[in-house]
C-alpha cells in the first residue's frame, strides 16, 4: 500500500489592517487515490516572525507590511488590552 502526503500553501490573503491569512492544504494519496484535502489556517499579524513560512507568505508580507502598516498596527495594539 503506497501512501504519500503533501502539504502546500494554497491561499494567502492580506486583510485591510495588514494581517495575512494563510491556508495550507494537506493531500494524502493512498494507492493512487487522492483523499479529501485537510486544511489548516493561521493568521500572521504585521511584524510577526516569518521563519518557516512559505515563500508566497514571505513575499506577501514584504509587499503588505510597509513602515506605515507596521506603525499603524503597533498603535492599534498599544490602544487595546491584549
N, C-alpha and C. Protein backbone atom coordinates (compact mmCIF):
# COMPACT_ATOMS: atom_id res chain seq x y z
N UNK A 1 0.85 -1.17 0.00
CA UNK A 1 0.00 0.00 0.00
C UNK A 1 0.90 1.24 0.00
N UNK A 2 0.84 2.01 -1.08
CA UNK A 2 1.66 3.21 -1.20
C UNK A 2 0.86 4.43 -0.74
N UNK A 3 1.44 5.15 0.19
CA UNK A 3 0.79 6.35 0.72
C UNK A 3 1.75 7.53 0.63
N UNK A 4 1.26 8.65 0.11
CA UNK A 4 2.05 9.88 0.09
C UNK A 4 1.20 11.00 0.68
N UNK A 5 1.87 11.93 1.31
CA UNK A 5 1.20 13.09 1.88
C UNK A 5 1.98 14.33 1.47
N UNK A 6 1.26 15.34 1.01
CA UNK A 6 1.89 16.58 0.57
C UNK A 6 1.10 17.77 1.14
N UNK A 7 1.82 18.72 1.69
CA UNK A 7 1.19 19.93 2.22
C UNK A 7 1.72 21.13 1.46
N UNK A 8 0.80 21.96 0.98
CA UNK A 8 1.16 23.17 0.23
C UNK A 8 0.28 24.33 0.68
N UNK A 9 0.88 25.51 0.75
CA UNK A 9 0.09 26.72 0.98
C UNK A 9 -0.67 27.00 -0.30
N UNK A 10 -2.00 27.05 -0.20
CA UNK A 10 -2.79 27.26 -1.41
C UNK A 10 -3.56 28.57 -1.42
N UNK A 11 -3.58 29.28 -0.30
CA UNK A 11 -4.23 30.59 -0.26
C UNK A 11 -3.49 31.52 0.69
N UNK A 12 -3.28 32.75 0.23
CA UNK A 12 -2.67 33.79 1.05
C UNK A 12 -3.51 35.05 0.83
N UNK A 13 -4.14 35.54 1.90
CA UNK A 13 -4.96 36.75 1.81
C UNK A 13 -4.39 37.82 2.73
N UNK A 14 -4.28 39.03 2.22
CA UNK A 14 -3.85 40.16 3.04
C UNK A 14 -5.10 40.96 3.38
N UNK A 15 -5.34 41.17 4.67
CA UNK A 15 -6.51 41.93 5.12
C UNK A 15 -6.19 43.41 5.19
N UNK A 16 -7.22 44.21 5.37
CA UNK A 16 -7.09 45.67 5.32
C UNK A 16 -6.08 46.21 6.34
N UNK A 17 -6.02 45.63 7.51
CA UNK A 17 -5.10 46.12 8.55
C UNK A 17 -3.71 45.51 8.44
N UNK A 18 -3.50 44.67 7.41
CA UNK A 18 -2.17 44.10 7.19
C UNK A 18 -1.99 42.68 7.66
N UNK A 19 -2.99 42.11 8.36
CA UNK A 19 -2.86 40.72 8.76
C UNK A 19 -2.84 39.84 7.50
N UNK A 20 -2.18 38.71 7.63
CA UNK A 20 -2.10 37.78 6.50
C UNK A 20 -2.72 36.46 6.93
N UNK A 21 -3.76 36.05 6.20
CA UNK A 21 -4.39 34.76 6.44
C UNK A 21 -3.75 33.74 5.50
N UNK A 22 -3.35 32.61 6.07
CA UNK A 22 -2.66 31.58 5.31
C UNK A 22 -3.46 30.28 5.42
N UNK A 23 -3.71 29.64 4.28
CA UNK A 23 -4.35 28.33 4.29
C UNK A 23 -3.42 27.33 3.63
N UNK A 24 -3.20 26.21 4.31
CA UNK A 24 -2.40 25.13 3.77
C UNK A 24 -3.29 23.91 3.59
N UNK A 25 -3.12 23.24 2.46
CA UNK A 25 -3.88 22.03 2.16
C UNK A 25 -2.96 20.82 2.26
N UNK A 26 -3.38 19.83 3.01
CA UNK A 26 -2.65 18.57 3.10
C UNK A 26 -3.44 17.52 2.34
N UNK A 27 -2.81 16.95 1.33
CA UNK A 27 -3.47 15.95 0.49
C UNK A 27 -2.72 14.63 0.65
N UNK A 28 -3.48 13.59 0.96
CA UNK A 28 -2.93 12.25 1.10
C UNK A 28 -3.42 11.40 -0.07
N UNK A 29 -2.51 10.68 -0.68
CA UNK A 29 -2.86 9.76 -1.77
C UNK A 29 -2.54 8.34 -1.31
N UNK A 30 -3.55 7.48 -1.40
CA UNK A 30 -3.39 6.08 -1.00
C UNK A 30 -3.63 5.21 -2.22
N UNK A 31 -2.59 4.48 -2.60
CA UNK A 31 -2.66 3.61 -3.79
C UNK A 31 -3.21 4.34 -5.01
N UNK A 32 -2.74 5.57 -5.21
CA UNK A 32 -3.12 6.35 -6.37
C UNK A 32 -4.45 7.06 -6.26
N UNK A 33 -5.15 6.90 -5.14
CA UNK A 33 -6.44 7.55 -4.95
C UNK A 33 -6.27 8.73 -3.99
N UNK A 34 -6.53 9.94 -4.52
CA UNK A 34 -6.38 11.15 -3.71
C UNK A 34 -7.54 11.26 -2.72
N UNK A 35 -7.19 11.43 -1.46
CA UNK A 35 -8.18 11.58 -0.40
C UNK A 35 -8.58 13.05 -0.29
N UNK A 36 -9.71 13.34 0.34
CA UNK A 36 -10.11 14.75 0.51
C UNK A 36 -9.02 15.52 1.28
N UNK A 37 -8.82 16.76 0.87
CA UNK A 37 -7.80 17.60 1.49
C UNK A 37 -8.21 17.96 2.92
N UNK A 38 -7.20 18.12 3.75
CA UNK A 38 -7.38 18.62 5.11
C UNK A 38 -6.73 19.99 5.14
N UNK A 39 -7.46 20.99 5.66
CA UNK A 39 -6.97 22.36 5.63
C UNK A 39 -6.57 22.83 7.01
N UNK A 40 -5.51 23.63 7.06
CA UNK A 40 -5.04 24.28 8.27
C UNK A 40 -4.91 25.76 7.95
N UNK A 41 -5.40 26.59 8.85
CA UNK A 41 -5.31 28.05 8.65
C UNK A 41 -4.61 28.68 9.84
N UNK A 42 -3.88 29.75 9.55
CA UNK A 42 -3.34 30.58 10.62
C UNK A 42 -3.24 32.01 10.12
N UNK A 43 -3.14 32.93 11.06
CA UNK A 43 -3.10 34.36 10.74
C UNK A 43 -1.82 34.95 11.31
N UNK A 44 -1.16 35.75 10.51
CA UNK A 44 0.04 36.46 10.94
C UNK A 44 -0.30 37.94 11.10
N UNK A 45 0.16 38.51 12.19
CA UNK A 45 -0.04 39.94 12.43
C UNK A 45 1.16 40.70 11.86
N UNK A 46 0.97 41.94 11.45
CA UNK A 46 2.10 42.72 10.92
C UNK A 46 3.29 42.70 11.89
N UNK A 47 4.43 42.33 11.37
CA UNK A 47 5.65 42.29 12.16
C UNK A 47 5.97 40.93 12.76
N UNK A 48 5.06 39.96 12.62
CA UNK A 48 5.33 38.62 13.15
C UNK A 48 6.56 38.01 12.48
N UNK A 49 7.17 37.07 13.18
CA UNK A 49 8.32 36.34 12.65
C UNK A 49 7.86 35.45 11.49
N UNK A 50 8.55 35.51 10.39
CA UNK A 50 8.19 34.75 9.19
C UNK A 50 9.04 33.50 9.00
N UNK A 51 9.85 33.16 9.99
CA UNK A 51 10.68 31.97 9.89
C UNK A 51 9.81 30.74 9.68
N UNK A 52 10.14 29.96 8.69
CA UNK A 52 9.41 28.74 8.41
C UNK A 52 8.17 28.92 7.55
N UNK A 53 7.85 30.15 7.20
CA UNK A 53 6.68 30.39 6.36
C UNK A 53 7.02 30.14 4.89
N UNK A 54 5.99 29.81 4.12
CA UNK A 54 6.12 29.58 2.69
C UNK A 54 6.62 30.85 1.98
N UNK A 55 7.30 30.67 0.87
CA UNK A 55 7.82 31.82 0.11
C UNK A 55 6.72 32.79 -0.30
N UNK A 56 5.53 32.28 -0.62
CA UNK A 56 4.42 33.16 -1.01
C UNK A 56 3.98 34.04 0.15
N UNK A 57 4.04 33.51 1.35
CA UNK A 57 3.67 34.28 2.55
C UNK A 57 4.71 35.37 2.80
N UNK A 58 5.97 35.01 2.69
CA UNK A 58 7.05 35.98 2.89
C UNK A 58 6.96 37.11 1.85
N UNK A 59 6.65 36.75 0.62
CA UNK A 59 6.51 37.76 -0.44
C UNK A 59 5.33 38.69 -0.15
N UNK A 60 4.22 38.12 0.30
CA UNK A 60 3.04 38.95 0.63
C UNK A 60 3.36 39.90 1.77
N UNK A 61 4.05 39.42 2.78
CA UNK A 61 4.42 40.27 3.91
C UNK A 61 5.38 41.37 3.46
N UNK A 62 6.31 41.04 2.59
CA UNK A 62 7.26 42.03 2.10
C UNK A 62 6.58 43.16 1.36
N UNK A 63 5.48 42.86 0.70
CA UNK A 63 4.72 43.88 -0.02
C UNK A 63 3.76 44.62 0.90
N UNK A 64 3.06 43.87 1.74
CA UNK A 64 1.98 44.47 2.56
C UNK A 64 2.48 45.18 3.81
N UNK A 65 3.53 44.68 4.41
CA UNK A 65 3.97 45.23 5.69
C UNK A 65 4.92 46.41 5.49
N UNK A 66 4.36 47.50 5.01
CA UNK A 66 5.13 48.73 4.84
C UNK A 66 5.38 49.35 6.21
N UNK A 67 6.24 50.34 6.26
CA UNK A 67 6.52 51.03 7.52
C UNK A 67 5.23 51.63 8.09
N UNK A 68 4.38 52.15 7.23
CA UNK A 68 3.11 52.73 7.69
C UNK A 68 2.19 51.67 8.29
N UNK A 69 2.07 50.53 7.63
CA UNK A 69 1.22 49.45 8.14
C UNK A 69 1.75 48.96 9.49
N UNK A 70 3.06 48.79 9.61
CA UNK A 70 3.65 48.34 10.87
C UNK A 70 3.41 49.35 11.99
N UNK A 71 3.56 50.63 11.69
CA UNK A 71 3.32 51.68 12.69
C UNK A 71 1.85 51.71 13.10
N UNK A 72 0.95 51.62 12.13
CA UNK A 72 -0.48 51.60 12.43
C UNK A 72 -0.84 50.39 13.29
N UNK A 73 -0.25 49.23 12.98
CA UNK A 73 -0.55 48.03 13.76
C UNK A 73 -0.04 48.17 15.19
N UNK A 74 1.18 48.70 15.35
CA UNK A 74 1.72 48.90 16.70
C UNK A 74 0.87 49.88 17.50
N UNK A 75 0.35 50.92 16.85
CA UNK A 75 -0.52 51.87 17.53
C UNK A 75 -1.84 51.20 17.94
N UNK A 76 -2.37 50.36 17.05
CA UNK A 76 -3.60 49.63 17.37
C UNK A 76 -3.40 48.72 18.57
N UNK A 77 -2.31 47.95 18.57
CA UNK A 77 -2.04 47.03 19.66
C UNK A 77 -1.86 47.80 20.97
N UNK A 78 -1.17 48.92 20.91
CA UNK A 78 -0.96 49.72 22.12
C UNK A 78 -2.26 50.29 22.67
N UNK A 79 -3.24 50.47 21.82
CA UNK A 79 -4.52 51.08 22.26
C UNK A 79 -5.54 50.05 22.74
N UNK A 80 -5.19 48.76 22.65
CA UNK A 80 -6.13 47.71 23.08
C UNK A 80 -5.56 46.94 24.26
N UNK A 81 -6.41 46.16 24.90
CA UNK A 81 -6.00 45.34 26.04
C UNK A 81 -5.78 43.90 25.64
N UNK A 82 -4.65 43.62 24.97
CA UNK A 82 -4.34 42.24 24.60
C UNK A 82 -3.74 41.52 25.75
